[in-house]
C-alpha cells in the first residue's frame, strides 16, 4: 500500500502551512475535508475551506463532507458546510443501516 494513499489530516495541514501543497496533494485536501467533517473537527474544516477545499467534493464512495458530518451528527460542521454552499441533495453511495 502506498504510504501517501491517505495522508493524515495533520500532514495535509502541515503542507498547507508550509505553502507546499503540490498538485498531487490538492485533491487530498478535499478528501481531508471529508475526514475532518466526519470527525467533527470544525477548526480543520474551516481551514481547508479557506485553503480552497470544495464543500461539494466527493470521495471514492460518493460521500461528501456534508454526508459525513450528517451521518456522524456533527451539527456545527453541518452548519459550516451549508454556509460554504454544500449540496444538500447529494446522496452518497454508502449503504446505511437504519
N, C-alpha and C. Protein backbone atom coordinates (compact mmCIF):
# COMPACT_ATOMS: atom_id res chain seq x y z
N UNK A 1 0.84 -1.19 0.00
CA UNK A 1 0.00 0.00 0.00
C UNK A 1 0.88 1.25 0.00
N UNK A 2 0.53 2.19 -0.80
CA UNK A 2 1.25 3.46 -0.88
C UNK A 2 1.05 4.25 0.41
N UNK A 3 2.13 4.66 1.05
CA UNK A 3 2.01 5.37 2.32
C UNK A 3 1.38 6.75 2.14
N UNK A 4 1.28 7.24 0.91
CA UNK A 4 0.66 8.53 0.67
C UNK A 4 -0.78 8.39 0.17
N UNK A 5 -1.31 7.18 0.19
CA UNK A 5 -2.66 6.97 -0.31
C UNK A 5 -3.69 7.77 0.47
N UNK A 6 -3.51 7.89 1.78
CA UNK A 6 -4.44 8.64 2.62
C UNK A 6 -3.67 9.35 3.71
N UNK A 7 -3.03 10.47 3.38
CA UNK A 7 -2.27 11.16 4.41
C UNK A 7 -3.16 11.61 5.55
N UNK A 8 -2.62 11.64 6.73
CA UNK A 8 -3.35 12.08 7.90
C UNK A 8 -3.71 13.55 7.76
N UNK A 9 -4.77 13.94 8.43
CA UNK A 9 -5.21 15.34 8.42
C UNK A 9 -4.05 16.24 8.81
N UNK A 10 -3.28 15.85 9.80
CA UNK A 10 -2.18 16.69 10.27
C UNK A 10 -1.11 16.90 9.20
N UNK A 11 -0.87 15.90 8.37
CA UNK A 11 0.11 16.03 7.29
C UNK A 11 -0.36 17.04 6.25
N UNK A 12 -1.63 16.96 5.87
CA UNK A 12 -2.16 17.90 4.89
C UNK A 12 -2.12 19.31 5.45
N UNK A 13 -2.46 19.49 6.73
CA UNK A 13 -2.40 20.82 7.35
C UNK A 13 -0.97 21.33 7.40
N UNK A 14 -0.02 20.46 7.66
CA UNK A 14 1.39 20.86 7.68
C UNK A 14 1.83 21.34 6.29
N UNK A 15 1.45 20.61 5.26
CA UNK A 15 1.78 21.02 3.90
C UNK A 15 1.14 22.37 3.55
N UNK A 16 -0.11 22.57 3.99
CA UNK A 16 -0.77 23.85 3.75
C UNK A 16 -0.02 24.97 4.46
N UNK A 17 0.38 24.74 5.70
CA UNK A 17 1.08 25.76 6.48
C UNK A 17 2.39 26.16 5.82
N UNK A 18 3.06 25.20 5.24
CA UNK A 18 4.35 25.46 4.61
C UNK A 18 4.19 26.02 3.20
N UNK A 19 2.96 26.05 2.72
CA UNK A 19 2.73 26.55 1.36
C UNK A 19 3.25 25.61 0.31
N UNK A 20 3.36 24.33 0.64
CA UNK A 20 3.95 23.37 -0.29
C UNK A 20 2.96 22.30 -0.74
N UNK A 21 1.68 22.58 -0.65
CA UNK A 21 0.69 21.60 -1.09
C UNK A 21 0.72 21.56 -2.61
N UNK A 22 1.39 20.56 -3.15
CA UNK A 22 1.56 20.46 -4.60
C UNK A 22 0.30 19.89 -5.25
N UNK A 23 0.29 19.83 -6.55
CA UNK A 23 -0.87 19.36 -7.29
C UNK A 23 -1.26 17.94 -6.88
N UNK A 24 -0.28 17.11 -6.57
CA UNK A 24 -0.56 15.74 -6.17
C UNK A 24 -1.42 15.69 -4.92
N UNK A 25 -1.24 16.66 -4.02
CA UNK A 25 -1.98 16.65 -2.77
C UNK A 25 -3.18 17.57 -2.77
N UNK A 26 -3.40 18.34 -3.82
CA UNK A 26 -4.53 19.25 -3.81
C UNK A 26 -5.85 18.49 -3.79
N UNK A 27 -5.92 17.35 -4.46
CA UNK A 27 -7.12 16.51 -4.39
C UNK A 27 -7.27 15.93 -3.00
N UNK A 28 -6.17 15.69 -2.33
CA UNK A 28 -6.22 15.15 -0.97
C UNK A 28 -6.84 16.16 -0.01
N UNK A 29 -6.72 17.43 -0.34
CA UNK A 29 -7.33 18.47 0.50
C UNK A 29 -8.83 18.25 0.62
N UNK A 30 -9.49 17.92 -0.49
CA UNK A 30 -10.93 17.66 -0.46
C UNK A 30 -11.25 16.40 0.34
N UNK A 31 -10.45 15.35 0.16
CA UNK A 31 -10.66 14.12 0.92
C UNK A 31 -10.43 14.35 2.40
N UNK A 32 -9.47 15.18 2.73
CA UNK A 32 -9.20 15.50 4.12
C UNK A 32 -10.36 16.29 4.72
N UNK A 33 -10.98 17.14 3.92
CA UNK A 33 -12.17 17.86 4.38
C UNK A 33 -13.26 16.88 4.79
N UNK A 34 -13.45 15.85 4.01
CA UNK A 34 -14.48 14.85 4.31
C UNK A 34 -14.15 14.14 5.62
N UNK A 35 -12.88 13.76 5.81
CA UNK A 35 -12.48 13.10 7.06
C UNK A 35 -12.62 14.03 8.26
N UNK A 36 -12.25 15.30 8.09
CA UNK A 36 -12.36 16.27 9.18
C UNK A 36 -13.83 16.52 9.53
N UNK A 37 -14.69 16.56 8.52
CA UNK A 37 -16.12 16.74 8.76
C UNK A 37 -16.69 15.57 9.55
N UNK A 38 -16.29 14.37 9.19
CA UNK A 38 -16.76 13.18 9.90
C UNK A 38 -16.28 13.17 11.35
N UNK A 39 -15.08 13.69 11.57
CA UNK A 39 -14.52 13.73 12.92
C UNK A 39 -15.06 14.90 13.74
N UNK A 40 -15.77 15.82 13.10
CA UNK A 40 -16.30 16.98 13.80
C UNK A 40 -15.25 18.03 14.10
N UNK A 41 -14.18 18.04 13.33
CA UNK A 41 -13.07 18.97 13.53
C UNK A 41 -13.35 20.28 12.80
N UNK A 42 -14.11 21.16 13.45
CA UNK A 42 -14.54 22.41 12.82
C UNK A 42 -13.36 23.31 12.47
N UNK A 43 -12.34 23.34 13.29
CA UNK A 43 -11.17 24.17 13.01
C UNK A 43 -10.51 23.75 11.70
N UNK A 44 -10.34 22.45 11.52
CA UNK A 44 -9.74 21.93 10.28
C UNK A 44 -10.66 22.15 9.09
N UNK A 45 -11.95 21.95 9.28
CA UNK A 45 -12.91 22.18 8.20
C UNK A 45 -12.81 23.64 7.73
N UNK A 46 -12.81 24.58 8.68
CA UNK A 46 -12.68 26.00 8.33
C UNK A 46 -11.39 26.27 7.57
N UNK A 47 -10.31 25.72 8.05
CA UNK A 47 -9.00 25.94 7.42
C UNK A 47 -8.97 25.39 6.00
N UNK A 48 -9.47 24.19 5.82
CA UNK A 48 -9.45 23.58 4.50
C UNK A 48 -10.34 24.33 3.52
N UNK A 49 -11.50 24.77 3.97
CA UNK A 49 -12.38 25.56 3.10
C UNK A 49 -11.70 26.87 2.72
N UNK A 50 -11.03 27.49 3.67
CA UNK A 50 -10.31 28.74 3.39
C UNK A 50 -9.19 28.50 2.38
N UNK A 51 -8.57 27.33 2.44
CA UNK A 51 -7.46 26.99 1.54
C UNK A 51 -7.93 26.46 0.19
N UNK A 52 -9.25 26.42 -0.03
CA UNK A 52 -9.76 26.06 -1.34
C UNK A 52 -10.38 24.69 -1.48
N UNK A 53 -10.53 23.95 -0.39
CA UNK A 53 -11.21 22.66 -0.49
C UNK A 53 -12.66 22.91 -0.90
N UNK A 54 -13.21 21.99 -1.66
CA UNK A 54 -14.58 22.14 -2.16
C UNK A 54 -15.57 21.45 -1.23
N UNK A 55 -16.58 22.20 -0.80
CA UNK A 55 -17.65 21.63 0.02
C UNK A 55 -18.49 20.64 -0.78
N UNK A 56 -18.32 20.62 -2.09
CA UNK A 56 -19.09 19.73 -2.96
C UNK A 56 -18.30 18.50 -3.43
N UNK A 57 -17.04 18.41 -3.02
CA UNK A 57 -16.20 17.29 -3.47
C UNK A 57 -16.71 15.97 -2.91
N UNK A 58 -16.43 14.90 -3.64
CA UNK A 58 -16.83 13.55 -3.23
C UNK A 58 -15.60 12.66 -3.12
N UNK A 59 -15.71 11.67 -2.23
CA UNK A 59 -14.64 10.67 -2.16
C UNK A 59 -14.97 9.52 -3.10
N UNK A 60 -14.19 8.46 -3.06
CA UNK A 60 -14.39 7.35 -3.99
C UNK A 60 -15.68 6.57 -3.77
N UNK A 61 -16.35 6.82 -2.66
CA UNK A 61 -17.64 6.18 -2.39
C UNK A 61 -18.81 7.15 -2.62
N UNK A 62 -18.51 8.30 -3.21
CA UNK A 62 -19.55 9.28 -3.49
C UNK A 62 -19.96 10.10 -2.28
N UNK A 63 -19.22 9.99 -1.21
CA UNK A 63 -19.56 10.68 0.03
C UNK A 63 -19.00 12.10 0.02
N UNK A 64 -19.82 13.06 0.42
CA UNK A 64 -19.37 14.44 0.55
C UNK A 64 -19.08 14.72 2.02
N UNK A 65 -18.47 15.87 2.27
CA UNK A 65 -18.22 16.28 3.66
C UNK A 65 -19.54 16.44 4.40
N UNK A 66 -20.56 16.96 3.71
CA UNK A 66 -21.87 17.13 4.35
C UNK A 66 -22.47 15.78 4.70
N UNK A 67 -22.39 14.80 3.79
CA UNK A 67 -22.88 13.45 4.09
C UNK A 67 -22.22 12.91 5.35
N UNK A 68 -20.90 13.06 5.42
CA UNK A 68 -20.13 12.52 6.54
C UNK A 68 -20.50 13.22 7.85
N UNK A 69 -20.64 14.54 7.80
CA UNK A 69 -20.97 15.30 9.02
C UNK A 69 -22.37 14.97 9.50
N UNK A 70 -23.32 14.84 8.59
CA UNK A 70 -24.69 14.50 8.98
C UNK A 70 -24.72 13.11 9.59
N UNK A 71 -24.08 12.15 8.95
CA UNK A 71 -24.08 10.78 9.44
C UNK A 71 -23.49 10.68 10.84
N UNK A 72 -22.46 11.49 11.11
CA UNK A 72 -21.79 11.46 12.42
C UNK A 72 -22.40 12.47 13.41
N UNK A 73 -23.47 13.15 13.00
CA UNK A 73 -24.18 14.10 13.86
C UNK A 73 -23.28 15.26 14.31
N UNK A 74 -22.53 15.82 13.39
CA UNK A 74 -21.61 16.94 13.67
C UNK A 74 -22.30 18.24 13.26
N UNK A 75 -23.19 18.73 14.13
CA UNK A 75 -24.08 19.84 13.81
C UNK A 75 -23.35 21.12 13.40
N UNK A 76 -22.33 21.52 14.15
CA UNK A 76 -21.61 22.75 13.82
C UNK A 76 -20.90 22.63 12.48
N UNK A 77 -20.38 21.46 12.18
CA UNK A 77 -19.73 21.25 10.89
C UNK A 77 -20.77 21.29 9.77
N UNK A 78 -21.94 20.71 10.02
CA UNK A 78 -23.02 20.76 9.02
C UNK A 78 -23.37 22.21 8.72
N UNK A 79 -23.52 23.02 9.75
CA UNK A 79 -23.84 24.45 9.55
C UNK A 79 -22.77 25.14 8.70
N UNK A 80 -21.51 24.85 9.01
CA UNK A 80 -20.41 25.49 8.28
C UNK A 80 -20.40 25.07 6.82
N UNK A 81 -20.62 23.78 6.57
CA UNK A 81 -20.63 23.29 5.19
C UNK A 81 -21.80 23.86 4.40
N UNK A 82 -22.94 24.00 5.05
CA UNK A 82 -24.10 24.60 4.38
C UNK A 82 -23.79 26.06 4.02
N UNK A 83 -23.10 26.75 4.92
CA UNK A 83 -22.70 28.14 4.64
C UNK A 83 -21.71 28.21 3.48
N UNK A 84 -20.97 27.12 3.27
CA UNK A 84 -20.00 27.05 2.17
C UNK A 84 -20.62 26.50 0.90
N UNK A 85 -21.95 26.42 0.88
CA UNK A 85 -22.70 26.01 -0.31
C UNK A 85 -22.60 24.51 -0.62
N UNK A 86 -22.53 23.68 0.43
CA UNK A 86 -22.58 22.24 0.21
C UNK A 86 -23.94 21.87 -0.35
N UNK A 87 -23.98 20.85 -1.18
CA UNK A 87 -25.21 20.42 -1.85
C UNK A 87 -26.01 19.48 -0.95
N UNK A 88 -27.17 19.92 -0.48
CA UNK A 88 -27.99 19.11 0.42
C UNK A 88 -28.69 17.97 -0.31
N UNK A 89 -28.72 18.01 -1.62
CA UNK A 89 -29.40 16.98 -2.40
C UNK A 89 -28.48 15.88 -2.88
N UNK A 90 -27.21 15.96 -2.53
CA UNK A 90 -26.22 14.98 -2.99
C UNK A 90 -26.22 13.76 -2.08
N UNK A 91 -26.60 12.62 -2.62
CA UNK A 91 -26.62 11.38 -1.84
C UNK A 91 -25.31 10.62 -2.06
N UNK A 92 -24.87 9.89 -1.04
CA UNK A 92 -23.66 9.10 -1.21
C UNK A 92 -24.01 7.68 -1.63
N UNK A 93 -22.99 6.88 -1.87
CA UNK A 93 -23.18 5.51 -2.32
C UNK A 93 -22.96 4.50 -1.21
N UNK A 94 -22.81 4.98 0.02
CA UNK A 94 -22.51 4.10 1.15
C UNK A 94 -23.81 3.56 1.71
N UNK A 95 -23.97 2.22 1.74
CA UNK A 95 -25.19 1.67 2.32
C UNK A 95 -25.23 1.95 3.83
N UNK A 96 -26.40 2.33 4.31
CA UNK A 96 -26.58 2.66 5.72
C UNK A 96 -27.61 1.72 6.34
N UNK A 97 -27.39 1.40 7.59
CA UNK A 97 -28.37 0.63 8.35
C UNK A 97 -29.23 1.60 9.14
N UNK A 98 -30.50 1.41 9.10
CA UNK A 98 -31.41 2.27 9.85
C UNK A 98 -31.81 1.61 11.15
